[in-house]
Amino acid sequence: MHWNLIAHQFRTVVHFKNQEELADFVLQIAKLADQMDHHPDLTIRHCSELSIAVYSHDQNKITRRDHQLIEAITELYQEIHTFARI
């Protein structure tokens, strides 16, 4: 997973084998975001592509919380793909 800094937001796009795999990942992100009380913007395209944007809406800039959230999302993604290869 590679994050880019675009328009004062961290952004990435990830692809999945199917819509169910994507939905499972979105649910995991939602649970994580609720725990952290910091929520990314998620956009689903073509039923297998997920765009994620992270920034602090309340401060309209990147903060420490954004760095923590993208690290946590990246770890989730790596766990899924490591598990899928086993």
PDB file of N, CA and C in Angstrom:
ATOM      1  N   MET A   1       0.856  -1.166   0.000  1.00  0.00           N
ATOM      2  CA  MET A   1       0.000   0.000   0.000  1.00  0.00           C
ATOM      3  C   MET A   1       0.904   1.232   0.000  1.00  0.00           C
ATOM      4  N   HIS A   2       0.632   2.139  -0.922  1.00  0.00           N
ATOM      5  CA  HIS A   2       1.451   3.348  -1.051  1.00  0.00           C
ATOM      6  C   HIS A   2       0.546   4.573  -0.888  1.00  0.00           C
ATOM      7  N   TRP A   3       0.927   5.449   0.021  1.00  0.00           N
ATOM      8  CA  TRP A   3       0.165   6.673   0.281  1.00  0.00           C
ATOM      9  C   TRP A   3       0.840   7.846  -0.422  1.00  0.00           C
ATOM     10  N   ASN A   4       0.033   8.718  -1.005  1.00  0.00           N
ATOM     11  CA  ASN A   4       0.513   9.950  -1.628  1.00  0.00           C
ATOM     12  C   ASN A   4      -0.067  11.134  -0.873  1.00  0.00           C
ATOM     13  N   LEU A   5       0.671  12.220  -0.835  1.00  0.00           N
ATOM     14  CA  LEU A   5       0.174  13.460  -0.248  1.00  0.00           C
ATOM     15  C   LEU A   5      -0.332  14.338  -1.398  1.00  0.00           C
ATOM     16  N   ILE A   6      -1.676  14.452  -1.481  1.00  0.00           N
ATOM     17  CA  ILE A   6      -2.309  15.195  -2.565  1.00  0.00           C
ATOM     18  C   ILE A   6      -3.325  16.148  -1.949  1.00  0.00           C
ATOM     19  N   ALA A   7      -3.205  17.425  -2.291  1.00  0.00           N
ATOM     20  CA  ALA A   7      -4.155  18.444  -1.826  1.00  0.00           C
ATOM     21  C   ALA A   7      -4.328  18.400  -0.305  1.00  0.00           C
ATOM     22  N   HIS A   8      -3.217  18.307   0.404  1.00  0.00           N
ATOM     23  CA  HIS A   8      -3.205  18.323   1.868  1.00  0.00           C
ATOM     24  C   HIS A   8      -3.938  17.135   2.486  1.00  0.00           C
ATOM     25  N   GLN A   9      -3.940  16.019   1.766  1.00  0.00           N
ATOM     26  CA  GLN A   9      -4.543  14.783   2.265  1.00  0.00           C
ATOM     27  C   GLN A   9      -3.639  13.615   1.913  1.00  0.00           C
ATOM     28  N   PHE A  10      -3.606  12.608   2.792  1.00  0.00           N
ATOM     29  CA  PHE A  10      -2.979  11.349   2.427  1.00  0.00           C
ATOM     30  C   PHE A  10      -4.003  10.564   1.627  1.00  0.00           C
ATOM     31  N   ARG A  11      -3.577  10.038   0.471  1.00  0.00           N
ATOM     32  CA  ARG A  11      -4.498   9.294  -0.391  1.00  0.00           C
ATOM     33  C   ARG A  11      -3.840   8.012  -0.900  1.00  0.00           C
ATOM     34  N   THR A  12      -4.666   6.997  -1.056  1.00  0.00           N
ATOM     35  CA  THR A  12      -4.219   5.754  -1.666  1.00  0.00           C
ATOM     36  C   THR A  12      -5.397   5.103  -2.366  1.00  0.00           C
ATOM     37  N   VAL A  13      -5.095   4.214  -3.281  1.00  0.00           N
ATOM     38  CA  VAL A  13      -6.111   3.409  -3.965  1.00  0.00           C
ATOM     39  C   VAL A  13      -5.654   1.961  -3.872  1.00  0.00           C
ATOM     40  N   VAL A  14      -6.559   1.086  -3.437  1.00  0.00           N
ATOM     41  CA  VAL A  14      -6.238  -0.339  -3.344  1.00  0.00           C
ATOM     42  C   VAL A  14      -7.283  -1.140  -4.111  1.00  0.00           C
ATOM     43  N   HIS A  15      -6.848  -2.278  -4.617  1.00  0.00           N
ATOM     44  CA  HIS A  15      -7.718  -3.140  -5.421  1.00  0.00           C
ATOM     45  C   HIS A  15      -7.883  -4.488  -4.730  1.00  0.00           C
ATOM     46  N   PHE A  16      -9.034  -5.087  -4.948  1.00  0.00           N
ATOM     47  CA  PHE A  16      -9.360  -6.361  -4.333  1.00  0.00           C
ATOM     48  C   PHE A  16      -9.843  -7.326  -5.403  1.00  0.00           C
ATOM     49  N   LYS A  17      -9.835  -8.614  -5.067  1.00  0.00           N
ATOM     50  CA  LYS A  17     -10.274  -9.643  -6.011  1.00  0.00           C
ATOM     51  C   LYS A  17     -11.760  -9.536  -6.319  1.00  0.00           C
ATOM     52  N   ASN A  18     -12.529  -9.113  -5.313  1.00  0.00           N
ATOM     53  CA  ASN A  18     -13.972  -9.059  -5.508  1.00  0.00           C
ATOM     54  C   ASN A  18     -14.591  -8.085  -4.501  1.00  0.00           C
ATOM     55  N   GLN A  19     -15.883  -7.891  -4.653  1.00  0.00           N
ATOM     56  CA  GLN A  19     -16.596  -6.920  -3.824  1.00  0.00           C
ATOM     57  C   GLN A  19     -16.656  -7.369  -2.359  1.00  0.00           C
ATOM     58  N   GLU A  20     -16.757  -8.670  -2.119  1.00  0.00           N
ATOM     59  CA  GLU A  20     -16.830  -9.162  -0.745  1.00  0.00           C
ATOM     60  C   GLU A  20     -15.530  -8.891   0.012  1.00  0.00           C
ATOM     61  N   GLU A  21     -14.402  -9.109  -0.642  1.00  0.00           N
ATOM     62  CA  GLU A  21     -13.104  -8.823  -0.022  1.00  0.00           C
ATOM     63  C   GLU A  21     -12.980  -7.340   0.303  1.00  0.00           C
ATOM     64  N   LEU A  22     -13.407  -6.498  -0.634  1.00  0.00           N
ATOM     65  CA  LEU A  22     -13.381  -5.052  -0.419  1.00  0.00           C
ATOM     66  C   LEU A  22     -14.279  -4.672   0.758  1.00  0.00           C
ATOM     67  N   ALA A  23     -15.484  -5.213   0.808  1.00  0.00           N
ATOM     68  CA  ALA A  23     -16.427  -4.892   1.881  1.00  0.00           C
ATOM     69  C   ALA A  23     -15.879  -5.306   3.248  1.00  0.00           C
ATOM     70  N   ASP A  24     -15.227  -6.456   3.313  1.00  0.00           N
ATOM     71  CA  ASP A  24     -14.619  -6.902   4.573  1.00  0.00           C
ATOM     72  C   ASP A  24     -13.559  -5.903   5.039  1.00  0.00           C
ATOM     73  N   PHE A  25     -12.758  -5.414   4.097  1.00  0.00           N
ATOM     74  CA  PHE A  25     -11.711  -4.454   4.443  1.00  0.00           C
ATOM     75  C   PHE A  25     -12.318  -3.133   4.908  1.00  0.00           C
ATOM     76  N   VAL A  26     -13.364  -2.675   4.232  1.00  0.00           N
ATOM     77  CA  VAL A  26     -14.042  -1.438   4.635  1.00  0.00           C
ATOM     78  C   VAL A  26     -14.583  -1.576   6.058  1.00  0.00           C
ATOM     79  N   LEU A  27     -15.165  -2.720   6.379  1.00  0.00           N
ATOM     80  CA  LEU A  27     -15.679  -2.948   7.728  1.00  0.00           C
ATOM     81  C   LEU A  27     -14.558  -2.901   8.760  1.00  0.00           C
ATOM     82  N   GLN A  28     -13.415  -3.482   8.440  1.00  0.00           N
ATOM     83  CA  GLN A  28     -12.275  -3.433   9.364  1.00  0.00           C
ATOM     84  C   GLN A  28     -11.779  -1.999   9.551  1.00  0.00           C
ATOM     85  N   ILE A  29     -11.744  -1.234   8.479  1.00  0.00           N
ATOM     86  CA  ILE A  29     -11.352   0.179   8.584  1.00  0.00           C
ATOM     87  C   ILE A  29     -12.347   0.931   9.463  1.00  0.00           C
ATOM     88  N   ALA A  30     -13.630   0.669   9.273  1.00  0.00           N
ATOM     89  CA  ALA A  30     -14.665   1.360  10.056  1.00  0.00           C
ATOM     90  C   ALA A  30     -14.500   1.072  11.549  1.00  0.00           C
ATOM     91  N   LYS A  31     -14.251  -0.176  11.891  1.00  0.00           N
ATOM     92  CA  LYS A  31     -14.054  -0.536  13.299  1.00  0.00           C
ATOM     93  C   LYS A  31     -12.819   0.165  13.868  1.00  0.00           C
ATOM     94  N   LEU A  32     -11.740   0.147  13.105  1.00  0.00           N
ATOM     95  CA  LEU A  32     -10.503   0.814  13.524  1.00  0.00           C
ATOM     96  C   LEU A  32     -10.727   2.314  13.690  1.00  0.00           C
ATOM     97  N   ALA A  33     -11.383   2.938  12.731  1.00  0.00           N
ATOM     98  CA  ALA A  33     -11.632   4.382  12.772  1.00  0.00           C
ATOM     99  C   ALA A  33     -12.489   4.757  13.980  1.00  0.00           C
ATOM    100  N   ASP A  34     -13.488   3.921  14.287  1.00  0.00           N
ATOM    101  CA  ASP A  34     -14.311   4.188  15.474  1.00  0.00           C
ATOM    102  C   ASP A  34     -13.479   4.099  16.747  1.00  0.00           C
ATOM    103  N   GLN A  35     -12.597   3.112  16.816  1.00  0.00           N
ATOM    104  CA  GLN A  35     -11.722   2.971  17.989  1.00  0.00           C
ATOM    105  C   GLN A  35     -10.804   4.182  18.143  1.00  0.00           C
ATOM    106  N   MET A  36     -10.301   4.685  17.025  1.00  0.00           N
ATOM    107  CA  MET A  36      -9.381   5.817  17.050  1.00  0.00           C
ATOM    108  C   MET A  36     -10.116   7.158  17.069  1.00  0.00           C
ATOM    109  N   ASP A  37     -11.420   7.139  16.857  1.00  0.00           N
ATOM    110  CA  ASP A  37     -12.232   8.346  16.741  1.00  0.00           C
ATOM    111  C   ASP A  37     -11.650   9.302  15.699  1.00  0.00           C
ATOM    112  N   HIS A  38     -11.300   8.713  14.552  1.00  0.00           N
ATOM    113  CA  HIS A  38     -10.731   9.475  13.445  1.00  0.00           C
ATOM    114  C   HIS A  38     -11.099   8.722  12.171  1.00  0.00           C
ATOM    115  N   HIS A  39     -11.845   9.345  11.281  1.00  0.00           N
ATOM    116  CA  HIS A  39     -12.474   8.623  10.191  1.00  0.00           C
ATOM    117  C   HIS A  39     -11.993   9.089   8.820  1.00  0.00           C
ATOM    118  N   PRO A  40     -11.571   8.140   7.979  1.00  0.00           N
ATOM    119  CA  PRO A  40     -11.139   8.481   6.630  1.00  0.00           C
ATOM    120  C   PRO A  40     -12.332   8.633   5.695  1.00  0.00           C
ATOM    121  N   ASP A  41     -12.103   9.243   4.552  1.00  0.00           N
ATOM    122  CA  ASP A  41     -13.092   9.275   3.484  1.00  0.00           C
ATOM    123  C   ASP A  41     -12.828   8.054   2.604  1.00  0.00           C
ATOM    124  N   LEU A  42     -13.864   7.258   2.370  1.00  0.00           N
ATOM    125  CA  LEU A  42     -13.740   6.041   1.578  1.00  0.00           C
ATOM    126  C   LEU A  42     -14.643   6.142   0.356  1.00  0.00           C
ATOM    127  N   THR A  43     -14.097   5.784  -0.815  1.00  0.00           N
ATOM    128  CA  THR A  43     -14.872   5.797  -2.051  1.00  0.00           C
ATOM    129  C   THR A  43     -14.663   4.464  -2.761  1.00  0.00           C
ATOM    130  N   ILE A  44     -15.765   3.788  -3.061  1.00  0.00           N
ATOM    131  CA  ILE A  44     -15.704   2.512  -3.776  1.00  0.00           C
ATOM    132  C   ILE A  44     -16.011   2.772  -5.246  1.00  0.00           C
ATOM    133  N   ARG A  45     -15.173   2.167  -6.108  1.00  0.00           N
ATOM    134  CA  ARG A  45     -15.375   2.275  -7.559  1.00  0.00           C
ATOM    135  C   ARG A  45     -15.236   0.895  -8.172  1.00  0.00           C
ATOM    136  N   HIS A  46     -16.013   0.634  -9.157  1.00  0.00           N
ATOM    137  CA  HIS A  46     -15.909  -0.609  -9.934  1.00  0.00           C
ATOM    138  C   HIS A  46     -15.987  -1.868  -9.075  1.00  0.00           C
ATOM    139  N   CYS A  47     -16.605  -1.804  -7.939  1.00  0.00           N
ATOM    140  CA  CYS A  47     -16.845  -2.900  -6.991  1.00  0.00           C
ATOM    141  C   CYS A  47     -15.587  -3.632  -6.515  1.00  0.00           C
ATOM    142  N   SER A  48     -14.416  -3.199  -6.927  1.00  0.00           N
ATOM    143  CA  SER A  48     -13.199  -3.832  -6.427  1.00  0.00           C
ATOM    144  C   SER A  48     -12.076  -2.832  -6.160  1.00  0.00           C
ATOM    145  N   GLU A  49     -12.368  -1.540  -6.263  1.00  0.00           N
ATOM    146  CA  GLU A  49     -11.364  -0.491  -6.070  1.00  0.00           C
ATOM    147  C   GLU A  49     -11.816   0.423  -4.941  1.00  0.00           C
ATOM    148  N   LEU A  50     -10.923   0.628  -3.988  1.00  0.00           N
ATOM    149  CA  LEU A  50     -11.214   1.482  -2.840  1.00  0.00           C
ATOM    150  C   LEU A  50     -10.225   2.632  -2.789  1.00  0.00           C
ATOM    151  N   SER A  51     -10.746   3.855  -2.802  1.00  0.00           N
ATOM    152  CA  SER A  51      -9.924   5.049  -2.609  1.00  0.00           C
ATOM    153  C   SER A  51     -10.080   5.480  -1.157  1.00  0.00           C
ATOM    154  N   ILE A  52      -8.943   5.805  -0.523  1.00  0.00           N
ATOM    155  CA  ILE A  52      -8.957   6.224   0.872  1.00  0.00           C
ATOM    156  C   ILE A  52      -8.263   7.581   0.965  1.00  0.00           C
ATOM    157  N   ALA A  53      -8.912   8.525   1.648  1.00  0.00           N
ATOM    158  CA  ALA A  53      -8.325   9.846   1.895  1.00  0.00           C
ATOM    159  C   ALA A  53      -8.354  10.095   3.398  1.00  0.00           C
ATOM    160  N   VAL A  54      -7.218  10.556   3.916  1.00  0.00           N
ATOM    161  CA  VAL A  54      -7.090  10.794   5.359  1.00  0.00           C
ATOM    162  C   VAL A  54      -6.542  12.194   5.592  1.00  0.00           C
ATOM    163  N   TYR A  55      -7.271  12.961   6.378  1.00  0.00           N
ATOM    164  CA  TYR A  55      -6.794  14.256   6.866  1.00  0.00           C
ATOM    165  C   TYR A  55      -7.697  14.684   8.004  1.00  0.00           C
ATOM    166  N   SER A  56      -7.256  15.638   8.769  1.00  0.00           N
ATOM    167  CA  SER A  56      -8.037  16.104   9.911  1.00  0.00           C
ATOM    168  C   SER A  56      -9.019  17.177   9.438  1.00  0.00           C
ATOM    169  N   HIS A  57     -10.267  16.772   9.248  1.00  0.00           N
ATOM    170  CA  HIS A  57     -11.309  17.677   8.764  1.00  0.00           C
ATOM    171  C   HIS A  57     -11.452  18.896   9.679  1.00  0.00           C
ATOM    172  N   ASP A  58     -11.390  18.640  10.985  1.00  0.00           N
ATOM    173  CA  ASP A  58     -11.621  19.724  11.944  1.00  0.00           C
ATOM    174  C   ASP A  58     -10.508  20.768  11.933  1.00  0.00           C
ATOM    175  N   GLN A  59      -9.300  20.377  11.513  1.00  0.00           N
ATOM    176  CA  GLN A  59      -8.185  21.319  11.463  1.00  0.00           C
ATOM    177  C   GLN A  59      -7.793  21.664  10.034  1.00  0.00           C
ATOM    178  N   ASN A  60      -8.419  20.986   9.077  1.00  0.00           N
ATOM    179  CA  ASN A  60      -8.153  21.198   7.658  1.00  0.00           C
ATOM    180  C   ASN A  60      -6.663  21.098   7.319  1.00  0.00           C
ATOM    181  N   LYS A  61      -6.023  20.094   7.924  1.00  0.00           N
ATOM    182  CA  LYS A  61      -4.610  19.848   7.649  1.00  0.00           C
ATOM    183  C   LYS A  61      -4.235  18.445   8.117  1.00  0.00           C
ATOM    184  N   ILE A  62      -3.024  18.037   7.804  1.00  0.00           N
ATOM    185  CA  ILE A  62      -2.480  16.758   8.263  1.00  0.00           C
ATOM    186  C   ILE A  62      -2.005  16.921   9.707  1.00  0.00           C
ATOM    187  N   THR A  63      -2.368  15.936  10.537  1.00  0.00           N
ATOM    188  CA  THR A  63      -1.945  15.954  11.943  1.00  0.00           C
ATOM    189  C   THR A  63      -1.327  14.605  12.311  1.00  0.00           C
ATOM    190  N   ARG A  64      -0.869  14.508  13.527  1.00  0.00           N
ATOM    191  CA  ARG A  64      -0.299  13.264  14.050  1.00  0.00           C
ATOM    192  C   ARG A  64      -1.318  12.130  13.980  1.00  0.00           C
ATOM    193  N   ARG A  65      -2.577  12.461  14.232  1.00  0.00           N
ATOM    194  CA  ARG A  65      -3.637  11.447  14.177  1.00  0.00           C
ATOM    195  C   ARG A  65      -3.759  10.849  12.774  1.00  0.00           C
ATOM    196  N   ASP A  66      -3.524  11.652  11.751  1.00  0.00           N
ATOM    197  CA  ASP A  66      -3.583  11.149  10.375  1.00  0.00           C
ATOM    198  C   ASP A  66      -2.469  10.133  10.127  1.00  0.00           C
ATOM    199  N   HIS A  67      -1.274  10.456  10.600  1.00  0.00           N
ATOM    200  CA  HIS A  67      -0.148   9.523  10.467  1.00  0.00           C
ATOM    201  C   HIS A  67      -0.459   8.210  11.179  1.00  0.00           C
ATOM    202  N   GLN A  68      -1.037   8.292  12.363  1.00  0.00           N
ATOM    203  CA  GLN A  68      -1.386   7.085  13.114  1.00  0.00           C
ATOM    204  C   GLN A  68      -2.438   6.267  12.376  1.00  0.00           C
ATOM    205  N   LEU A  69      -3.422   6.932  11.795  1.00  0.00           N
ATOM    206  CA  LEU A  69      -4.484   6.217  11.089  1.00  0.00           C
ATOM    207  C   LEU A  69      -3.956   5.543   9.824  1.00  0.00           C
ATOM    208  N   ILE A  70      -3.130   6.227   9.041  1.00  0.00           N
ATOM    209  CA  ILE A  70      -2.633   5.573   7.822  1.00  0.00           C
ATOM    210  C   ILE A  70      -1.709   4.406   8.166  1.00  0.00           C
ATOM    211  N   GLU A  71      -0.956   4.517   9.250  1.00  0.00           N
ATOM    212  CA  GLU A  71      -0.132   3.385   9.675  1.00  0.00           C
ATOM    213  C   GLU A  71      -1.010   2.197  10.057  1.00  0.00           C
ATOM    214  N   ALA A  72      -2.086   2.447  10.777  1.00  0.00           N
ATOM    215  CA  ALA A  72      -2.988   1.377  11.199  1.00  0.00           C
ATOM    216  C   ALA A  72      -3.708   0.751   9.998  1.00  0.00           C
ATOM    217  N   ILE A  73      -4.149   1.556   9.046  1.00  0.00           N
ATOM    218  CA  ILE A  73      -4.808   1.031   7.847  1.00  0.00           C
ATOM    219  C   ILE A  73      -3.823   0.201   7.034  1.00  0.00           C
ATOM    220  N   THR A  74      -2.603   0.668   6.914  1.00  0.00           N
ATOM    221  CA  THR A  74      -1.573  -0.067   6.184  1.00  0.00           C
ATOM    222  C   THR A  74      -1.316  -1.420   6.834  1.00  0.00           C
ATOM    223  N   GLU A  75      -1.242  -1.456   8.157  1.00  0.00           N
ATOM    224  CA  GLU A  75      -1.049  -2.722   8.866  1.00  0.00           C
ATOM    225  C   GLU A  75      -2.206  -3.682   8.602  1.00  0.00           C
ATOM    226  N   LEU A  76      -3.438  -3.180   8.645  1.00  0.00           N
ATOM    227  CA  LEU A  76      -4.604  -4.019   8.339  1.00  0.00           C
ATOM    228  C   LEU A  76      -4.488  -4.615   6.939  1.00  0.00           C
ATOM    229  N   TYR A  77      -4.143  -3.794   5.988  1.00  0.00           N
ATOM    230  CA  TYR A  77      -4.026  -4.237   4.601  1.00  0.00           C
ATOM    231  C   TYR A  77      -2.942  -5.304   4.458  1.00  0.00           C
ATOM    232  N   GLN A  78      -1.810  -5.087   5.110  1.00  0.00           N
ATOM    233  CA  GLN A  78      -0.714  -6.052   5.041  1.00  0.00           C
ATOM    234  C   GLN A  78      -1.102  -7.371   5.703  1.00  0.00           C
ATOM    235  N   GLU A  79      -1.836  -7.315   6.805  1.00  0.00           N
ATOM    236  CA  GLU A  79      -2.301  -8.536   7.471  1.00  0.00           C
ATOM    237  C   GLU A  79      -3.218  -9.333   6.562  1.00  0.00           C
ATOM    238  N   ILE A  80      -4.118  -8.659   5.882  1.00  0.00           N
ATOM    239  CA  ILE A  80      -5.049  -9.343   4.973  1.00  0.00           C
ATOM    240  C   ILE A  80      -4.288 -10.027   3.855  1.00  0.00           C
ATOM    241  N   HIS A  81      -3.340  -9.331   3.259  1.00  0.00           N
ATOM    242  CA  HIS A  81      -2.620  -9.893   2.127  1.00  0.00           C
ATOM    243  C   HIS A  81      -1.615 -10.960   2.551  1.00  0.00           C
ATOM    244  N   THR A  82      -1.070 -10.849   3.738  1.00  0.00           N
ATOM    245  CA  THR A  82      -0.189 -11.898   4.254  1.00  0.00           C
ATOM    246  C   THR A  82      -1.005 -13.152   4.532  1.00  0.00           C
ATOM    247  N   PHE A  83      -2.167 -12.979   5.159  1.00  0.00           N
ATOM    248  CA  PHE A  83      -3.051 -14.095   5.488  1.00  0.00           C
ATOM    249  C   PHE A  83      -3.543 -14.768   4.204  1.00  0.00           C
ATOM    250  N   ALA A  84      -3.858 -13.995   3.188  1.00  0.00           N
ATOM    251  CA  ALA A  84      -4.392 -14.543   1.943  1.00  0.00           C
ATOM    252  C   ALA A  84      -3.368 -15.405   1.216  1.00  0.00           C
ATOM    253  N   ARG A  85      -2.089 -15.147   1.415  1.00  0.00           N
ATOM    254  CA  ARG A  85      -1.033 -15.917   0.742  1.00  0.00           C
ATOM    255  C   ARG A  85      -0.711 -17.228   1.435  1.00  0.00           C
ATOM    256  N   ILE A  86      -1.115 -17.378   2.678  1.00  0.00           N
ATOM    257  CA  ILE A  86      -0.787 -18.584   3.450  1.00  0.00           C
ATOM    258  C   ILE A  86      -1.627 -19.751   2.974  1.00  0.00           C
TER     259      ILE A  86
END
